[in-house]
Amino acid sequence: MSKVVILMGSKADLAWATRVVDSLQLFSISAECHIASAHKVPLFCYDIIKEKEKITSYL
């Protein structure tokens, strides 16, 4: 099964991300959400992206 990684800038984006996750589930696509501001913690964002790039099932 494919998985989408959603990076949010703050908890304020969680409601929107939840709607995206719900929509993806209609197509049997799972999602993983992370809160990480590219402005405040860019290296943390980079680490998440590099980690997920190693797994080919992620979209």
N, C-alpha and C. Protein backbone atom coordinates (compact mmCIF):
# COMPACT_ATOMS: atom_id res chain seq x y z
N MET A 1 0.84 -1.18 0.00
CA MET A 1 0.00 0.00 0.00
C MET A 1 0.88 1.24 0.00
N SER A 2 0.48 2.22 -0.76
CA SER A 2 1.23 3.47 -0.81
C SER A 2 0.91 4.33 0.40
N LYS A 3 1.85 5.16 0.74
CA LYS A 3 1.67 6.05 1.88
C LYS A 3 2.14 7.44 1.50
N VAL A 4 1.37 8.44 1.93
CA VAL A 4 1.71 9.84 1.69
C VAL A 4 2.22 10.43 2.99
N VAL A 5 3.25 11.22 2.89
CA VAL A 5 3.78 11.93 4.06
C VAL A 5 3.32 13.38 3.95
N ILE A 6 2.68 13.85 5.02
CA ILE A 6 2.20 15.23 5.06
C ILE A 6 3.02 15.98 6.10
N LEU A 7 3.69 17.03 5.67
CA LEU A 7 4.45 17.88 6.58
C LEU A 7 3.65 19.16 6.82
N MET A 8 3.37 19.43 8.08
CA MET A 8 2.63 20.64 8.45
C MET A 8 3.57 21.60 9.13
N GLY A 9 3.31 22.88 8.96
CA GLY A 9 4.15 23.90 9.59
C GLY A 9 3.85 24.09 11.05
N SER A 10 2.61 23.77 11.47
CA SER A 10 2.23 23.95 12.88
C SER A 10 0.98 23.12 13.17
N LYS A 11 0.63 23.04 14.46
CA LYS A 11 -0.58 22.32 14.86
C LYS A 11 -1.83 22.95 14.28
N ALA A 12 -1.74 24.23 13.93
CA ALA A 12 -2.88 24.91 13.33
C ALA A 12 -3.29 24.28 12.00
N ASP A 13 -2.39 23.56 11.36
CA ASP A 13 -2.67 22.90 10.08
C ASP A 13 -3.27 21.52 10.24
N LEU A 14 -3.40 21.05 11.47
CA LEU A 14 -3.84 19.68 11.72
C LEU A 14 -5.25 19.40 11.20
N ALA A 15 -6.17 20.33 11.34
CA ALA A 15 -7.54 20.11 10.85
C ALA A 15 -7.54 19.91 9.34
N TRP A 16 -6.76 20.71 8.64
CA TRP A 16 -6.65 20.57 7.19
C TRP A 16 -6.03 19.23 6.82
N ALA A 17 -4.95 18.87 7.51
CA ALA A 17 -4.26 17.61 7.22
C ALA A 17 -5.17 16.42 7.48
N THR A 18 -5.99 16.50 8.50
CA THR A 18 -6.93 15.42 8.81
C THR A 18 -7.93 15.24 7.66
N ARG A 19 -8.37 16.32 7.08
CA ARG A 19 -9.28 16.23 5.93
C ARG A 19 -8.59 15.59 4.73
N VAL A 20 -7.32 15.91 4.55
CA VAL A 20 -6.56 15.30 3.46
C VAL A 20 -6.41 13.80 3.70
N VAL A 21 -6.08 13.42 4.92
CA VAL A 21 -5.93 12.00 5.27
C VAL A 21 -7.23 11.25 5.02
N ASP A 22 -8.34 11.83 5.45
CA ASP A 22 -9.65 11.20 5.24
C ASP A 22 -9.94 11.01 3.75
N SER A 23 -9.61 11.99 2.94
CA SER A 23 -9.83 11.89 1.49
C SER A 23 -8.94 10.82 0.87
N LEU A 24 -7.70 10.74 1.30
CA LEU A 24 -6.79 9.72 0.78
C LEU A 24 -7.27 8.32 1.11
N GLN A 25 -7.85 8.16 2.29
CA GLN A 25 -8.34 6.84 2.70
C GLN A 25 -9.44 6.33 1.78
N LEU A 26 -10.18 7.23 1.16
CA LEU A 26 -11.21 6.83 0.20
C LEU A 26 -10.61 6.09 -0.99
N PHE A 27 -9.32 6.33 -1.25
CA PHE A 27 -8.61 5.69 -2.35
C PHE A 27 -7.63 4.62 -1.85
N SER A 28 -7.82 4.19 -0.62
CA SER A 28 -6.96 3.17 0.01
C SER A 28 -5.50 3.61 0.07
N ILE A 29 -5.29 4.89 0.29
CA ILE A 29 -3.95 5.44 0.44
C ILE A 29 -3.81 5.91 1.89
N SER A 30 -2.83 5.39 2.58
CA SER A 30 -2.62 5.81 3.96
C SER A 30 -1.72 7.04 4.00
N ALA A 31 -1.74 7.72 5.12
CA ALA A 31 -0.95 8.94 5.25
C ALA A 31 -0.31 9.01 6.63
N GLU A 32 0.78 9.71 6.67
CA GLU A 32 1.53 9.92 7.91
C GLU A 32 1.76 11.42 8.04
N CYS A 33 1.37 11.98 9.18
CA CYS A 33 1.49 13.43 9.38
C CYS A 33 2.63 13.76 10.34
N HIS A 34 3.32 14.84 10.02
CA HIS A 34 4.38 15.35 10.88
C HIS A 34 4.23 16.86 11.00
N ILE A 35 4.47 17.37 12.18
CA ILE A 35 4.48 18.81 12.39
C ILE A 35 5.93 19.24 12.49
N ALA A 36 6.35 20.06 11.53
CA ALA A 36 7.75 20.49 11.50
C ALA A 36 7.85 21.74 10.63
N SER A 37 8.11 22.85 11.24
CA SER A 37 8.22 24.11 10.51
C SER A 37 9.55 24.18 9.76
N ALA A 38 9.46 24.37 8.46
CA ALA A 38 10.68 24.49 7.65
C ALA A 38 11.45 25.76 8.00
N HIS A 39 10.77 26.72 8.57
CA HIS A 39 11.44 27.98 8.95
C HIS A 39 12.12 27.87 10.32
N LYS A 40 11.48 27.14 11.25
CA LYS A 40 12.01 27.05 12.61
C LYS A 40 12.95 25.86 12.81
N VAL A 41 12.64 24.74 12.17
CA VAL A 41 13.46 23.53 12.35
C VAL A 41 13.75 22.88 10.98
N PRO A 42 14.47 23.58 10.12
CA PRO A 42 14.69 23.05 8.76
C PRO A 42 15.43 21.72 8.73
N LEU A 43 16.35 21.51 9.64
CA LEU A 43 17.08 20.24 9.63
C LEU A 43 16.18 19.07 10.02
N PHE A 44 15.23 19.31 10.92
CA PHE A 44 14.28 18.28 11.29
C PHE A 44 13.41 17.91 10.09
N CYS A 45 12.96 18.91 9.33
CA CYS A 45 12.19 18.66 8.11
C CYS A 45 13.02 17.86 7.12
N TYR A 46 14.25 18.26 6.95
CA TYR A 46 15.15 17.57 6.04
C TYR A 46 15.33 16.10 6.45
N ASP A 47 15.50 15.87 7.74
CA ASP A 47 15.67 14.50 8.24
C ASP A 47 14.45 13.64 7.95
N ILE A 48 13.27 14.20 8.13
CA ILE A 48 12.04 13.46 7.84
C ILE A 48 12.00 13.09 6.36
N ILE A 49 12.28 14.05 5.51
CA ILE A 49 12.24 13.80 4.07
C ILE A 49 13.27 12.75 3.66
N LYS A 50 14.49 12.87 4.15
CA LYS A 50 15.53 11.90 3.80
C LYS A 50 15.18 10.51 4.30
N GLU A 51 14.61 10.41 5.49
CA GLU A 51 14.20 9.11 6.04
C GLU A 51 13.13 8.47 5.16
N LYS A 52 12.16 9.25 4.74
CA LYS A 52 11.06 8.72 3.94
C LYS A 52 11.49 8.39 2.52
N GLU A 53 12.48 9.09 2.00
CA GLU A 53 12.98 8.79 0.65
C GLU A 53 13.58 7.39 0.57
N LYS A 54 14.03 6.87 1.69
CA LYS A 54 14.63 5.53 1.71
C LYS A 54 13.57 4.45 1.53
N ILE A 55 12.33 4.79 1.79
CA ILE A 55 11.23 3.83 1.73
C ILE A 55 10.46 4.09 0.43
N THR A 56 10.53 3.17 -0.49
CA THR A 56 9.96 3.42 -1.82
C THR A 56 8.44 3.40 -1.87
N SER A 57 7.77 2.92 -0.82
CA SER A 57 6.31 2.87 -0.87
C SER A 57 5.67 4.21 -0.55
N TYR A 58 6.47 5.20 -0.19
CA TYR A 58 5.92 6.52 0.12
C TYR A 58 5.72 7.31 -1.16
N LEU A 59 4.65 8.10 -1.19
CA LEU A 59 4.36 8.97 -2.34
C LEU A 59 4.80 10.37 -2.01
